[in-house]
């Protein structure tokens, strides 16, 4: 976008246009019908709050309290805090066209996404003499732990991974409702789509190395829990764009707010494979935190509000190319995150036949607020 200078000429050159004598008639005629931009994003997200998922204790800890939450020597190795909140790179592409010669009405579209976020933890008996996965045993009504490694009895490994993805696109109509030679205010209306996915995978394998126990030496138990969460938003958006220019510099402030439906889908699955020497492997449904009581697909729809703020400072490199730096903030008031879906209450008798005691864990789809914010570096063009 180009505006007249203090002398009333477009871009300071009378050959570019006519003097600005009638702002109400749209002085400072523009020469370009197509516009767009490409931006590199460095954004942060509000990560997911995980319960304690992997614990350890000193090697001398008695077996019955090793790795159990609430014990004074138990240490949490993974979980018990918010994770996946580091910076992530991404990109945003914007394209549009003015649909009238005065360039007061236009149609535009944006597409933006971030690279996959990932945070995890992996360890075995060489890293920690005692490894455990904590839970609350609803049958005994006390904290408990699944031991993965324990000196002279068990050796094993655990691998926990959280991943997340984000993408969004919108299509909008923009219209000027106030303009002077050095400023421009527009309203916009359109459609917004966003997709916010995150999942958790916890796998562990343990081997019985002692001789003479209840379980034959060399027996292996392989356990897997998977939580997969998807949030899909469809809604209408309205907003205002305010631009102010001073020589080659332009400041743009954009505010938008979208209203619509968030479809939240949570899928849980798990399995346990038991391998006893000279016996065929046995596979059962359910891991540790996934049992028949919470395995399956759960869905719900929630009315969601998505406000967005963008501030961009541009510097004109030429008539048709600008360099920009900016800040963006987007907020959702209802997003299901994987940490909210995990229940540490467990009834392991579900894997051995007729359950005894209350069924647990339970899955009730829960959500919380979520945001993305960060810095944008871009190039913008006009043709």
Protein backbone atom coordinates (compact mmCIF):
# COMPACT_ATOMS: atom_id res chain seq x y z
CA UNK A 1 0.00 0.00 0.00
CA UNK A 2 1.33 3.49 -0.83
CA UNK A 3 0.29 6.92 0.40
CA UNK A 4 0.98 10.53 -0.46
CA UNK A 5 3.80 12.40 1.24
CA UNK A 6 3.64 15.76 2.94
CA UNK A 7 3.60 17.49 -0.45
CA UNK A 8 0.49 15.57 -1.46
CA UNK A 9 2.05 13.24 -4.00
CA UNK A 10 2.06 9.49 -4.00
CA UNK A 11 5.38 8.16 -2.66
CA UNK A 12 6.87 11.63 -2.89
CA UNK A 13 7.02 11.59 -6.70
CA UNK A 14 4.44 13.57 -8.75
CA UNK A 15 4.92 11.08 -11.59
CA UNK A 16 3.37 8.36 -9.41
CA UNK A 17 0.01 10.05 -8.98
CA UNK A 18 -1.98 13.20 -8.51
CA UNK A 19 -1.96 15.54 -5.48
CA UNK A 20 -4.18 14.56 -2.56
CA UNK A 21 -6.82 17.27 -2.73
CA UNK A 22 -9.91 15.30 -1.81
CA UNK A 23 -9.35 12.60 0.82
CA UNK A 24 -13.05 11.74 0.89
CA UNK A 25 -12.86 10.76 -2.77
CA UNK A 26 -10.02 8.38 -2.11
CA UNK A 27 -6.96 10.50 -2.84
CA UNK A 28 -3.62 8.74 -3.16
CA UNK A 29 -4.71 6.37 -5.93
CA UNK A 30 -3.11 2.94 -5.70
CA UNK A 31 -1.57 1.01 -8.55
CA UNK A 32 -1.75 -2.59 -7.41
CA UNK A 33 -4.65 -5.05 -7.45
CA UNK A 34 -2.92 -8.11 -5.99
CA UNK A 35 -1.32 -8.24 -2.58
CA UNK A 36 0.14 -10.84 -0.27
CA UNK A 37 2.94 -11.79 2.06
CA UNK A 38 5.00 -14.62 3.46
CA UNK A 39 6.13 -14.68 7.09
CA UNK A 40 8.44 -16.76 9.22
CA UNK A 41 6.89 -17.41 12.65
CA UNK A 42 8.63 -17.97 15.97
CA UNK A 43 5.74 -18.79 18.28
CA UNK A 44 5.18 -20.23 21.72
CA UNK A 45 2.15 -22.20 22.85
CA UNK A 46 0.53 -22.85 26.18
CA UNK A 47 1.72 -26.41 26.78
CA UNK A 48 -0.17 -29.25 28.41
CA UNK A 49 -0.13 -29.98 32.14
CA UNK A 50 0.88 -33.61 32.67
CA UNK A 51 0.42 -35.64 35.85
CA UNK A 52 3.52 -37.52 37.10
CA UNK A 53 4.12 -40.31 34.58
CA UNK A 54 7.59 -41.68 35.37
CA UNK A 55 9.25 -41.76 38.80
CA UNK A 56 12.36 -43.07 40.51
CA UNK A 57 13.69 -43.68 44.02
CA UNK A 58 17.13 -44.39 45.51
CA UNK A 59 18.37 -47.92 44.82
CA UNK A 60 18.00 -48.91 48.49
CA UNK A 61 14.28 -48.08 48.60
CA UNK A 62 12.06 -51.00 49.69
CA UNK A 63 10.15 -52.53 46.79
CA UNK A 64 6.68 -51.76 48.19
CA UNK A 65 7.26 -47.98 48.20
CA UNK A 66 9.68 -47.62 45.27
CA UNK A 67 8.48 -44.96 42.83
CA UNK A 68 5.25 -44.38 44.77
CA UNK A 69 3.98 -40.78 44.82
CA UNK A 70 3.87 -39.20 48.25
CA UNK A 71 6.88 -41.11 49.53
CA UNK A 72 9.62 -38.72 50.70
CA UNK A 73 12.35 -40.14 48.44
CA UNK A 74 10.27 -40.48 45.26
CA UNK A 75 11.37 -38.21 42.41
CA UNK A 76 9.31 -37.42 39.31
CA UNK A 77 11.32 -37.87 36.11
CA UNK A 78 8.62 -37.00 33.56
CA UNK A 79 5.33 -35.19 34.07
CA UNK A 80 4.11 -33.33 37.11
CA UNK A 81 4.49 -30.03 35.22
CA UNK A 82 3.51 -28.17 32.07
CA UNK A 83 5.39 -29.45 29.01
CA UNK A 84 5.58 -28.73 25.27
CA UNK A 85 5.71 -24.95 25.75
CA UNK A 86 8.98 -24.28 23.91
CA UNK A 87 9.30 -22.03 20.85
CA UNK A 88 8.33 -23.49 17.47
CA UNK A 89 8.99 -22.31 13.95
CA UNK A 90 6.25 -21.94 11.38
CA UNK A 91 5.07 -20.04 8.36
CA UNK A 92 2.14 -17.89 7.26
CA UNK A 93 1.09 -17.16 3.68
CA UNK A 94 -1.35 -14.34 2.91
CA UNK A 95 -2.83 -13.62 -0.54
CA UNK A 96 -5.56 -11.28 -1.71
CA UNK A 97 -7.02 -9.16 -4.48
CA UNK A 98 -8.79 -5.80 -4.58
CA UNK A 99 -12.11 -6.11 -6.39
CA UNK A 100 -12.57 -2.45 -7.27
CA UNK A 101 -10.33 0.12 -8.97
CA UNK A 102 -10.20 2.37 -5.90
CA UNK A 103 -8.97 -0.56 -3.83
CA UNK A 104 -11.50 -0.08 -1.06
CA UNK A 105 -12.91 -3.64 -1.16
CA UNK A 106 -10.94 -6.85 -1.30
CA UNK A 107 -10.91 -10.58 -0.70
CA UNK A 108 -8.07 -12.30 1.12
CA UNK A 109 -6.99 -15.59 2.61
CA UNK A 110 -4.34 -16.78 5.07
CA UNK A 111 -2.80 -20.14 5.79
CA UNK A 112 -0.44 -20.70 8.69
CA UNK A 113 0.99 -23.65 10.56
CA UNK A 114 3.73 -24.57 13.01
CA UNK A 115 6.25 -27.37 12.97
CA UNK A 116 5.41 -30.39 15.11
CA UNK A 117 6.14 -29.87 18.77
CA UNK A 118 7.67 -32.76 20.66
CA UNK A 119 8.93 -33.42 24.16
CA UNK A 120 9.76 -36.74 25.70
CA UNK A 121 11.66 -38.87 28.14
CA UNK A 122 13.45 -42.19 27.75
CA UNK A 123 15.45 -44.22 30.29
CA UNK A 124 16.36 -47.75 31.29
CA UNK A 125 17.97 -49.58 34.20
CA UNK A 126 21.39 -48.20 33.22
CA UNK A 127 20.12 -44.66 33.84
CA UNK A 128 18.14 -45.34 37.03
CA UNK A 129 18.29 -48.44 39.20
CA UNK A 130 14.62 -47.93 39.99
CA UNK A 131 12.13 -46.85 37.31
CA UNK A 132 8.39 -46.79 37.91
CA UNK A 133 5.08 -45.56 36.55
CA UNK A 134 2.94 -44.21 39.40
CA UNK A 135 -0.84 -44.55 39.78
CA UNK A 136 -3.52 -44.64 42.45
CA UNK A 137 -4.78 -48.16 43.05
CA UNK A 138 -8.55 -47.91 43.54
CA UNK A 139 -8.76 -51.52 44.76
CA UNK A 140 -6.33 -51.03 47.65
CA UNK A 141 -7.25 -47.32 47.97
CA UNK A 142 -3.62 -46.18 48.07
CA UNK A 143 -0.86 -44.85 45.88
CA UNK A 144 0.96 -47.52 43.94
CA UNK A 145 3.49 -47.89 41.12
CA UNK A 146 4.25 -50.24 38.28
CA UNK A 147 7.93 -51.08 38.67
CA UNK A 148 9.91 -51.18 35.43
CA UNK A 149 13.37 -51.70 36.87
CA UNK A 150 14.41 -52.74 40.37
CA UNK A 151 17.82 -53.97 41.55
CA UNK A 152 18.30 -57.76 41.17
CA UNK A 153 14.63 -58.28 40.27
CA UNK A 154 13.60 -56.27 37.21
CA UNK A 155 15.26 -54.55 34.32
CA UNK A 156 13.44 -52.51 31.76
CA UNK A 157 12.93 -49.28 29.88
CA UNK A 158 10.33 -46.56 29.47
CA UNK A 159 9.70 -44.14 26.61
CA UNK A 160 7.18 -41.29 26.96
CA UNK A 161 6.48 -38.80 24.19
CA UNK A 162 4.14 -35.82 23.80
CA UNK A 163 3.63 -34.33 20.32
CA UNK A 164 1.47 -31.46 19.07
CA UNK A 165 0.45 -29.92 15.74
CA UNK A 166 -1.26 -26.69 14.73
CA UNK A 167 -2.61 -25.26 11.49
CA UNK A 168 -5.19 -22.63 10.58
CA UNK A 169 -6.69 -20.92 7.57
CA UNK A 170 -9.22 -18.18 7.01
CA UNK A 171 -10.94 -16.45 4.10
CA UNK A 172 -12.20 -12.89 4.54
CA UNK A 173 -13.70 -9.83 2.91
CA UNK A 174 -12.17 -6.45 3.79
CA UNK A 175 -13.69 -3.00 3.24
CA UNK A 176 -12.36 0.50 3.88
CA UNK A 177 -14.63 2.67 6.00
CA UNK A 178 -12.26 5.53 6.84
CA UNK A 179 -9.22 6.82 4.97
CA UNK A 180 -6.88 9.80 4.89
CA UNK A 181 -3.66 10.23 2.98
CA UNK A 182 -1.59 8.73 5.81
CA UNK A 183 -3.99 6.32 7.47
CA UNK A 184 -6.57 3.73 6.61
CA UNK A 185 -9.15 1.83 8.67
CA UNK A 186 -10.93 -1.27 7.40
CA UNK A 187 -13.42 -3.77 8.72
CA UNK A 188 -13.31 -7.41 7.76
CA UNK A 189 -15.55 -10.45 8.00
CA UNK A 190 -14.88 -14.05 7.09
CA UNK A 191 -14.54 -17.71 8.03
CA UNK A 192 -11.86 -19.26 10.29
CA UNK A 193 -10.73 -22.88 10.56
CA UNK A 194 -8.18 -24.12 13.10
CA UNK A 195 -6.85 -27.57 13.98
CA UNK A 196 -5.03 -28.22 17.27
CA UNK A 197 -3.83 -31.79 17.85
CA UNK A 198 -1.76 -33.33 20.63
CA UNK A 199 -1.07 -36.84 21.77
CA UNK A 200 0.75 -38.85 24.42
CA UNK A 201 2.39 -42.24 24.01
CA UNK A 202 3.92 -44.08 26.96
CA UNK A 203 5.59 -47.44 26.35
CA UNK A 204 7.52 -49.58 28.78
CA UNK A 205 9.07 -53.02 28.78
CA UNK A 206 10.17 -54.94 31.86
CA UNK A 207 11.95 -58.28 32.26
CA UNK A 208 12.02 -60.50 35.35
CA UNK A 209 15.66 -61.31 36.06
CA UNK A 210 15.39 -63.01 39.46
CA UNK A 211 15.14 -66.78 39.80
CA UNK A 212 12.54 -68.41 42.05
CA UNK A 213 9.89 -65.71 42.03
CA UNK A 214 6.20 -66.09 41.21
CA UNK A 215 6.92 -65.09 37.60
CA UNK A 216 9.41 -67.25 35.66
CA UNK A 217 12.83 -65.76 35.06
CA UNK A 218 13.09 -64.21 31.59
CA UNK A 219 9.41 -63.29 31.37
CA UNK A 220 8.78 -59.96 29.63
CA UNK A 221 5.82 -57.61 29.93
CA UNK A 222 5.40 -54.91 27.26
CA UNK A 223 2.89 -52.15 28.03
CA UNK A 224 1.60 -49.29 25.86
CA UNK A 225 -0.77 -46.36 26.54
CA UNK A 226 -1.86 -43.95 23.80
CA UNK A 227 -3.95 -40.77 24.17
CA UNK A 228 -4.77 -38.92 20.93
CA UNK A 229 -6.60 -35.57 21.12
CA UNK A 230 -7.96 -33.49 18.20
CA UNK A 231 -9.61 -30.05 18.30
CA UNK A 232 -11.28 -28.75 15.12
CA UNK A 233 -12.76 -25.23 15.05
CA UNK A 234 -15.13 -23.77 12.43
CA UNK A 235 -16.48 -20.27 12.89
CA UNK A 236 -17.21 -16.82 11.56
CA UNK A 237 -14.88 -13.91 12.24
CA UNK A 238 -15.08 -10.11 12.26
CA UNK A 239 -12.30 -7.61 12.76
CA UNK A 240 -10.71 -4.22 12.22
CA UNK A 241 -7.43 -3.29 10.52
CA UNK A 242 -5.83 0.09 11.23
CA UNK A 243 -2.83 1.28 9.16
CA UNK A 244 -0.76 4.41 9.69
CA UNK A 245 2.13 5.48 7.44
CA UNK A 246 5.07 7.80 8.00
CA UNK A 247 7.42 7.93 5.01
CA UNK A 248 8.64 4.40 4.24
CA UNK A 249 7.31 3.02 7.56
CA UNK A 250 3.83 1.69 8.18
CA UNK A 251 2.29 0.46 11.43
CA UNK A 252 -0.63 -1.96 11.19
CA UNK A 253 -2.79 -3.05 14.11
CA UNK A 254 -5.23 -5.86 13.46
CA UNK A 255 -7.85 -7.27 15.82
CA UNK A 256 -10.18 -10.15 15.00
CA UNK A 257 -12.57 -12.30 16.93
CA UNK A 258 -14.16 -15.53 15.77
CA UNK A 259 -17.18 -17.38 17.16
CA UNK A 260 -17.99 -20.97 16.36
CA UNK A 261 -17.93 -24.66 17.25
CA UNK A 262 -14.97 -26.63 18.57
CA UNK A 263 -15.24 -30.36 17.95
CA UNK A 264 -13.15 -32.14 20.59
CA UNK A 265 -12.22 -35.79 19.94
CA UNK A 266 -10.27 -37.96 22.37
CA UNK A 267 -9.14 -41.44 21.34
CA UNK A 268 -7.50 -43.78 23.86
CA UNK A 269 -6.00 -47.18 23.30
CA UNK A 270 -3.64 -49.54 25.08
CA UNK A 271 -2.33 -53.05 25.18
CA UNK A 272 -0.20 -55.35 27.30
CA UNK A 273 1.81 -58.21 25.81
CA UNK A 274 3.10 -60.87 28.21
CA UNK A 275 5.85 -63.20 27.03
CA UNK A 276 6.70 -66.21 29.24
CA UNK A 277 9.53 -68.54 28.16
CA UNK A 278 8.26 -71.56 26.19
CA UNK A 279 4.71 -70.14 26.21
CA UNK A 280 2.90 -68.32 23.40
CA UNK A 281 2.70 -64.53 23.94
CA UNK A 282 -0.56 -63.24 25.40
CA UNK A 283 -1.96 -59.84 24.41
CA UNK A 284 -4.65 -58.10 26.47
CA UNK A 285 -6.46 -54.84 25.91
CA UNK A 286 -5.32 -52.01 28.14
CA UNK A 287 -1.95 -50.76 29.29
CA UNK A 288 -1.58 -49.04 32.65
CA UNK A 289 -3.49 -45.75 32.32
CA UNK A 290 -5.73 -47.13 29.57
CA UNK A 291 -8.17 -49.85 30.61
CA UNK A 292 -11.47 -51.08 29.23
CA UNK A 293 -13.15 -48.40 31.36
CA UNK A 294 -11.61 -45.53 29.34
CA UNK A 295 -10.56 -47.06 26.01
CA UNK A 296 -12.45 -45.80 22.96
CA UNK A 297 -13.37 -42.62 21.11
CA UNK A 298 -15.08 -39.76 22.93
CA UNK A 299 -16.43 -36.63 21.21
CA UNK A 300 -18.17 -33.41 22.13
CA UNK A 301 -18.94 -29.96 20.66
CA UNK A 302 -18.25 -26.74 22.55
CA UNK A 303 -19.05 -23.13 21.60
CA UNK A 304 -15.68 -21.38 21.43
CA UNK A 305 -14.43 -17.80 21.11
CA UNK A 306 -11.14 -17.08 19.34
CA UNK A 307 -9.78 -13.50 19.61
CA UNK A 308 -6.63 -12.53 17.71
CA UNK A 309 -4.29 -9.54 17.91
CA UNK A 310 -1.58 -8.62 15.43
CA UNK A 311 0.84 -5.68 15.41
CA UNK A 312 3.14 -5.25 12.39
CA UNK A 313 5.77 -2.63 11.53
CA UNK A 314 6.73 -2.51 7.84
CA UNK A 315 9.53 -0.78 5.95
CA UNK A 316 9.14 -0.17 2.20
CA UNK A 317 12.10 -1.64 0.31
CA UNK A 318 10.59 -0.59 -3.04
CA UNK A 319 7.28 0.39 -4.58
CA UNK A 320 6.00 -3.18 -4.39
CA UNK A 321 7.96 -4.86 -1.59
CA UNK A 322 7.95 -4.34 2.19
CA UNK A 323 9.97 -5.91 5.00
CA UNK A 324 8.07 -6.44 8.26
CA UNK A 325 8.40 -7.49 11.87
CA UNK A 326 5.39 -8.13 14.06
CA UNK A 327 3.76 -9.78 17.04
CA UNK A 328 0.73 -12.12 17.08
CA UNK A 329 -1.48 -13.49 19.83
CA UNK A 330 -4.35 -15.96 19.33
CA UNK A 331 -6.47 -17.34 22.17
CA UNK A 332 -9.03 -20.17 22.39
CA UNK A 333 -11.20 -20.50 25.50
CA UNK A 334 -11.95 -24.23 24.96
CA UNK A 335 -9.23 -26.64 23.82
CA UNK A 336 -8.90 -30.25 24.96
CA UNK A 337 -5.27 -31.04 25.73
CA UNK A 338 -3.84 -34.47 26.30
CA UNK A 339 -2.75 -33.88 29.89
CA UNK A 340 -6.34 -33.06 30.88
CA UNK A 341 -7.54 -36.51 29.74
CA UNK A 342 -5.25 -38.64 31.93
CA UNK A 343 -6.68 -40.24 35.07
CA UNK A 344 -4.15 -41.78 37.47
CA UNK A 345 -6.87 -43.77 39.25
CA UNK A 346 -6.51 -47.35 38.00
CA UNK A 347 -8.25 -50.69 38.57
CA UNK A 348 -5.91 -53.35 37.19
CA UNK A 349 -8.37 -56.19 37.81
CA UNK A 350 -10.00 -55.23 34.49
CA UNK A 351 -7.16 -57.14 32.76
CA UNK A 352 -7.58 -60.33 34.76
CA UNK A 353 -11.28 -61.09 34.30
CA UNK A 354 -14.28 -59.80 36.21
CA UNK A 355 -13.34 -56.37 37.64
CA UNK A 356 -13.27 -55.99 41.41
CA UNK A 357 -14.03 -52.58 42.85
CA UNK A 358 -14.83 -49.31 41.04
CA UNK A 359 -14.08 -49.04 37.34
CA UNK A 360 -11.14 -46.72 36.71
CA UNK A 361 -9.62 -44.87 35.02
CA UNK A 362 -12.53 -42.82 33.73
CA UNK A 363 -12.52 -40.57 30.69
CA UNK A 364 -14.54 -37.38 30.81
CA UNK A 365 -13.42 -35.01 28.05
CA UNK A 366 -11.97 -31.94 29.74
CA UNK A 367 -10.64 -28.72 28.25
CA UNK A 368 -8.87 -25.54 29.25
CA UNK A 369 -7.82 -22.27 27.66
CA UNK A 370 -5.03 -22.28 25.08
CA UNK A 371 -2.97 -19.62 23.36
CA UNK A 372 -0.29 -19.08 20.77
CA UNK A 373 1.92 -16.00 20.63
CA UNK A 374 5.15 -14.96 19.02
CA UNK A 375 7.20 -12.91 16.59
CA UNK A 376 6.70 -12.72 12.82
CA UNK A 377 9.29 -11.76 10.19
CA UNK A 378 7.95 -11.22 6.68
CA UNK A 379 8.03 -9.88 3.15
CA UNK A 380 4.89 -8.31 1.66
CA UNK A 381 4.25 -7.50 -1.98
CA UNK A 382 1.84 -5.60 -4.24
CA UNK A 383 1.36 -6.02 -8.00
